[in-house]
Amino acid sequence: MKTIIIYLYAGLLVLKSFPKLMKVRRIPDHVPFSEKRGQIFATPKEVSQKVFKRTKSTIDVEGMDKLPEGPVLFVANHQGMFDILVLLGYVDKPLGFIAKKEIKKIPIISSWMEELKCVFIDRSNRRAAIKVIDDGIASLKAGQSMVIFPEGTRSRGGEVQTFKSGSLRLATRANVPIVPIAINGTYKLLEANDMKMKGDHVRLTVCDPIMPDQYKEMKSHTIAEQLQQTIQSAISSQSK
């Protein structure tokens, strides 16, 4: 019953956000994205925090002072369905995602994602995947930080899976810092309970960024390995 109530509550919040979405869409095109992104990001951030509050979960955030100025590529592990909400709600920087194309069919949510300069990918279309990289780079150059989950699937709380290096081109071609961010505990809210909602404790840890002058001579697979080890280390240290 709790699961249904929270889904309905989240749906109601999304519906109530429609007037704010229309207001955001009326911002003139000539206004730079860097000036309007705060207005765009405020509502998704508020909705995400309200949903977490309704689940009766607690969120600990560490390392936010490590965030560089300007757009960055966040590289995160992927434990569960609540990962996107915890990043939207508790990272102090407007951000967008690379999302499955199916989400474009969801009213209002897909429109907010477009405003956040999210990029939609058709995983069955290799040529389209190349365009996704180009669109993601364009978002970064426009001033929007982006998030990737290089495991490619949810780990559901197990060991961090092997990071795929291809999507790191978003950072290396846009010449922006790469910020590893460790998510720990989101799977306990849903996946660990046979998809039934349960409040729990979630920790979000921003690790030391890798700056362009540090990674410019590194191979993509080496960067991916370093990021994976950094995130796994952050998660492992929390269980000691």
Protein backbone atom coordinates (compact mmCIF):
# COMPACT_ATOMS: atom_id res chain seq x y z
CA MET A 1 0.00 0.00 0.00
CA LYS A 2 2.85 2.39 0.86
CA THR A 3 4.37 1.84 -2.58
CA ILE A 4 1.14 2.80 -4.35
CA ILE A 5 0.71 5.90 -2.16
CA ILE A 6 4.23 7.13 -2.92
CA TYR A 7 3.80 6.55 -6.66
CA LEU A 8 0.52 8.48 -6.57
CA TYR A 9 2.14 11.25 -4.52
CA ALA A 10 5.01 11.53 -7.00
CA GLY A 11 2.55 11.61 -9.88
CA LEU A 12 0.59 14.41 -8.19
CA LEU A 13 3.76 16.44 -7.69
CA VAL A 14 4.60 16.06 -11.37
CA LEU A 15 1.11 17.19 -12.40
CA LYS A 16 1.30 20.21 -10.09
CA SER A 17 4.64 21.16 -11.67
CA PHE A 18 2.98 21.80 -15.05
CA PRO A 19 2.39 25.56 -14.53
CA LYS A 20 6.06 25.99 -13.58
CA LEU A 21 7.05 24.04 -16.69
CA MET A 22 5.01 26.44 -18.82
CA LYS A 23 6.65 29.39 -17.07
CA VAL A 24 10.12 28.01 -17.79
CA ARG A 25 9.21 27.44 -21.43
CA ARG A 26 8.21 31.10 -21.75
CA ILE A 27 11.74 32.25 -20.92
CA PRO A 28 12.95 33.96 -24.12
CA ASP A 29 15.31 31.96 -26.31
CA HIS A 30 17.88 34.74 -26.27
CA VAL A 31 18.42 34.27 -22.51
CA PRO A 32 21.63 32.21 -22.08
CA PHE A 33 21.11 28.76 -20.59
CA SER A 34 23.65 29.62 -17.88
CA GLU A 35 21.24 32.30 -16.65
CA LYS A 36 18.04 30.27 -16.69
CA ARG A 37 19.26 26.84 -15.60
CA GLY A 38 18.69 27.68 -11.92
CA GLN A 39 15.01 28.37 -12.61
CA ILE A 40 14.71 25.15 -14.62
CA PHE A 41 16.45 22.99 -12.03
CA ALA A 42 14.58 24.29 -8.96
CA THR A 43 11.35 22.35 -9.54
CA PRO A 44 12.84 18.90 -10.33
CA LYS A 45 15.08 19.35 -7.26
CA GLU A 46 12.11 20.20 -5.04
CA VAL A 47 9.99 17.32 -6.34
CA SER A 48 12.82 14.84 -5.80
CA GLN A 49 13.36 15.97 -2.21
CA LYS A 50 9.64 15.74 -1.44
CA VAL A 51 9.46 12.18 -2.77
CA PHE A 52 12.42 11.14 -0.62
CA LYS A 53 10.84 12.77 2.41
CA ARG A 54 7.63 10.82 1.80
CA THR A 55 9.57 7.52 1.73
CA LYS A 56 10.91 8.45 5.22
CA SER A 57 14.48 7.98 4.02
CA THR A 58 17.49 9.90 5.30
CA ILE A 59 20.10 11.33 2.92
CA ASP A 60 23.71 12.04 3.88
CA VAL A 61 25.76 14.07 1.40
CA GLU A 62 29.54 14.38 1.60
CA GLY A 63 32.14 16.20 -0.49
CA MET A 64 29.95 18.84 -2.12
CA ASP A 65 32.78 21.32 -1.52
CA LYS A 66 34.84 19.37 -4.07
CA LEU A 67 32.62 20.41 -6.98
CA PRO A 68 34.50 22.55 -9.53
CA GLU A 69 32.95 25.68 -11.00
CA GLY A 70 31.16 25.35 -14.31
CA PRO A 71 29.76 22.27 -16.06
CA VAL A 72 31.12 18.83 -15.18
CA LEU A 73 30.53 15.23 -16.18
CA PHE A 74 29.29 13.30 -13.16
CA VAL A 75 30.18 9.60 -13.27
CA ALA A 76 28.11 7.56 -10.83
CA ASN A 77 27.50 3.95 -9.93
CA HIS A 78 23.96 2.71 -10.50
CA GLN A 79 22.31 0.88 -7.59
CA GLY A 80 18.61 1.42 -8.17
CA MET A 81 15.71 3.38 -9.61
CA PHE A 82 16.09 6.13 -7.01
CA ASP A 83 19.59 7.10 -8.19
CA ILE A 84 18.33 9.80 -10.53
CA LEU A 85 16.08 11.31 -7.86
CA VAL A 86 18.85 11.43 -5.26
CA LEU A 87 21.17 13.19 -7.71
CA LEU A 88 18.50 15.66 -8.80
CA GLY A 89 17.49 16.37 -5.24
CA TYR A 90 20.78 16.58 -3.40
CA VAL A 91 23.61 17.61 -5.74
CA ASP A 92 24.24 21.36 -5.61
CA LYS A 93 24.59 21.78 -9.36
CA PRO A 94 21.97 21.68 -12.15
CA LEU A 95 22.39 18.45 -14.10
CA GLY A 96 20.91 16.36 -16.88
CA PHE A 97 21.02 12.69 -17.80
CA ILE A 98 21.37 10.31 -20.68
CA ALA A 99 18.05 8.49 -20.55
CA LYS A 100 16.30 5.67 -22.41
CA LYS A 101 14.18 6.87 -25.34
CA GLU A 102 11.08 5.26 -23.78
CA ILE A 103 10.97 8.05 -21.19
CA LYS A 104 10.09 10.49 -23.98
CA LYS A 105 6.60 8.95 -23.92
CA ILE A 106 5.95 10.09 -20.34
CA PRO A 107 4.10 13.45 -20.32
CA ILE A 108 5.50 16.38 -18.31
CA ILE A 109 8.50 14.36 -17.05
CA SER A 110 9.95 14.14 -20.56
CA SER A 111 9.34 17.87 -21.03
CA TRP A 112 11.20 18.72 -17.84
CA MET A 113 14.05 16.47 -19.00
CA GLU A 114 14.23 18.33 -22.30
CA GLU A 115 14.48 21.61 -20.39
CA LEU A 116 17.32 20.09 -18.34
CA LYS A 117 19.06 19.27 -21.65
CA CYS A 118 18.84 15.54 -21.00
CA VAL A 119 19.69 13.31 -23.95
CA PHE A 120 17.56 10.34 -25.00
CA ILE A 121 19.22 7.21 -26.37
CA ASP A 122 17.99 4.30 -28.45
CA ARG A 123 20.29 1.51 -27.32
CA SER A 124 19.31 -0.66 -30.29
CA ASN A 125 20.53 1.96 -32.78
CA ARG A 126 24.31 2.29 -32.89
CA ARG A 127 24.25 5.30 -35.22
CA ALA A 128 21.81 7.10 -32.94
CA ALA A 129 24.12 6.40 -29.99
CA ILE A 130 26.86 8.41 -31.71
CA LYS A 131 24.48 11.38 -32.01
CA VAL A 132 23.72 11.06 -28.28
CA ILE A 133 27.39 11.70 -27.51
CA ASP A 134 27.32 14.80 -29.73
CA ASP A 135 24.11 16.05 -28.04
CA GLY A 136 25.61 15.44 -24.60
CA ILE A 137 28.73 17.37 -25.52
CA ALA A 138 26.54 20.23 -26.75
CA SER A 139 24.73 20.28 -23.38
CA LEU A 140 28.02 20.43 -21.50
CA LYS A 141 29.30 23.24 -23.71
CA ALA A 142 26.03 25.10 -23.11
CA GLY A 143 26.81 25.03 -19.40
CA GLN A 144 24.75 22.05 -18.22
CA SER A 145 26.42 19.33 -16.16
CA MET A 146 25.59 15.78 -17.22
CA VAL A 147 25.42 12.43 -15.43
CA ILE A 148 26.38 9.03 -16.84
CA PHE A 149 26.08 5.57 -15.29
CA PRO A 150 28.91 3.69 -17.03
CA GLU A 151 27.98 0.31 -15.52
CA GLY A 152 25.11 0.28 -18.02
CA THR A 153 22.75 -1.49 -15.61
CA ARG A 154 21.74 -1.44 -11.95
CA SER A 155 24.02 -3.29 -9.53
CA ARG A 156 21.27 -3.51 -6.86
CA GLY A 157 23.81 -3.01 -4.10
CA GLY A 158 26.42 -5.53 -5.18
CA GLU A 159 29.99 -4.78 -6.23
CA VAL A 160 30.38 -1.89 -8.63
CA GLN A 161 30.36 -3.43 -12.10
CA THR A 162 32.89 -2.76 -14.84
CA PHE A 163 32.71 0.80 -16.15
CA LYS A 164 32.35 1.15 -19.92
CA SER A 165 34.61 3.89 -21.24
CA GLY A 166 32.73 5.04 -24.36
CA SER A 167 30.55 7.65 -22.68
CA LEU A 168 33.59 9.35 -21.14
CA ARG A 169 34.03 11.05 -24.51
CA LEU A 170 31.40 13.47 -23.25
CA ALA A 171 34.01 14.92 -20.90
CA THR A 172 37.15 14.52 -22.98
CA ARG A 173 35.63 16.19 -26.06
CA ALA A 174 33.87 18.93 -24.09
CA ASN A 175 37.03 19.46 -22.00
CA VAL A 176 35.22 19.51 -18.65
CA PRO A 177 36.12 18.03 -15.24
CA ILE A 178 35.01 14.47 -14.46
CA VAL A 179 33.47 14.10 -11.00
CA PRO A 180 33.05 10.58 -9.59
CA ILE A 181 30.06 10.32 -7.28
CA ALA A 182 29.33 7.27 -5.12
CA ILE A 183 25.71 6.32 -4.44
CA ASN A 184 25.09 3.88 -1.62
CA GLY A 185 21.73 2.66 -0.31
CA THR A 186 19.20 3.59 -3.00
CA TYR A 187 18.58 -0.08 -3.85
CA LYS A 188 17.29 -0.63 -0.30
CA LEU A 189 14.31 1.62 -0.99
CA LEU A 190 12.83 -0.60 -3.69
CA GLU A 191 14.93 -3.30 -5.37
CA ALA A 192 15.94 -5.03 -2.12
CA ASN A 193 12.28 -5.35 -1.05
CA ASP A 194 10.76 -7.10 -4.04
CA MET A 195 9.94 -3.65 -5.52
CA LYS A 196 7.99 -2.60 -2.43
CA MET A 197 8.81 0.85 -1.07
CA LYS A 198 10.71 1.06 2.21
CA GLY A 199 12.49 4.01 3.78
CA ASP A 200 16.20 3.63 4.45
CA HIS A 201 19.49 5.49 4.69
CA VAL A 202 21.21 6.74 1.52
CA ARG A 203 24.70 8.19 1.23
CA LEU A 204 25.91 10.36 -1.61
CA THR A 205 29.66 10.96 -1.77
CA VAL A 206 31.30 13.41 -4.16
CA CYS A 207 34.88 12.22 -4.73
CA ASP A 208 37.90 14.17 -5.98
CA PRO A 209 37.39 15.38 -9.56
CA ILE A 210 39.71 14.53 -12.43
CA MET A 211 40.54 17.77 -14.22
CA PRO A 212 41.15 18.02 -17.98
CA ASP A 213 44.87 18.61 -17.53
CA GLN A 214 45.02 15.36 -15.52
CA TYR A 215 43.15 13.11 -17.94
CA LYS A 216 44.26 14.57 -21.29
CA GLU A 217 47.15 12.10 -21.61
CA MET A 218 45.19 9.12 -20.23
CA LYS A 219 43.49 6.39 -22.26
CA SER A 220 39.71 6.18 -21.87
CA HIS A 221 39.83 2.70 -20.34
CA THR A 222 42.39 3.91 -17.78
CA ILE A 223 40.13 6.80 -16.77
CA ALA A 224 37.19 4.38 -16.47
CA GLU A 225 39.20 2.00 -14.26
CA GLN A 226 40.32 4.85 -12.01
CA LEU A 227 36.75 6.15 -11.63
CA GLN A 228 35.42 2.68 -10.85
CA GLN A 229 38.09 2.10 -8.20
CA THR A 230 37.45 5.52 -6.63
CA ILE A 231 33.70 4.92 -6.33
CA GLN A 232 34.11 1.35 -5.10
CA SER A 233 36.58 2.54 -2.48
CA ALA A 234 34.16 5.23 -1.26
CA ILE A 235 31.34 2.70 -0.91
CA SER A 236 33.53 0.05 0.74
CA SER A 237 34.83 2.52 3.32
CA GLN A 238 31.25 3.23 4.44
CA SER A 239 30.66 -0.40 5.37
CA LYS A 240 33.67 -0.62 7.69
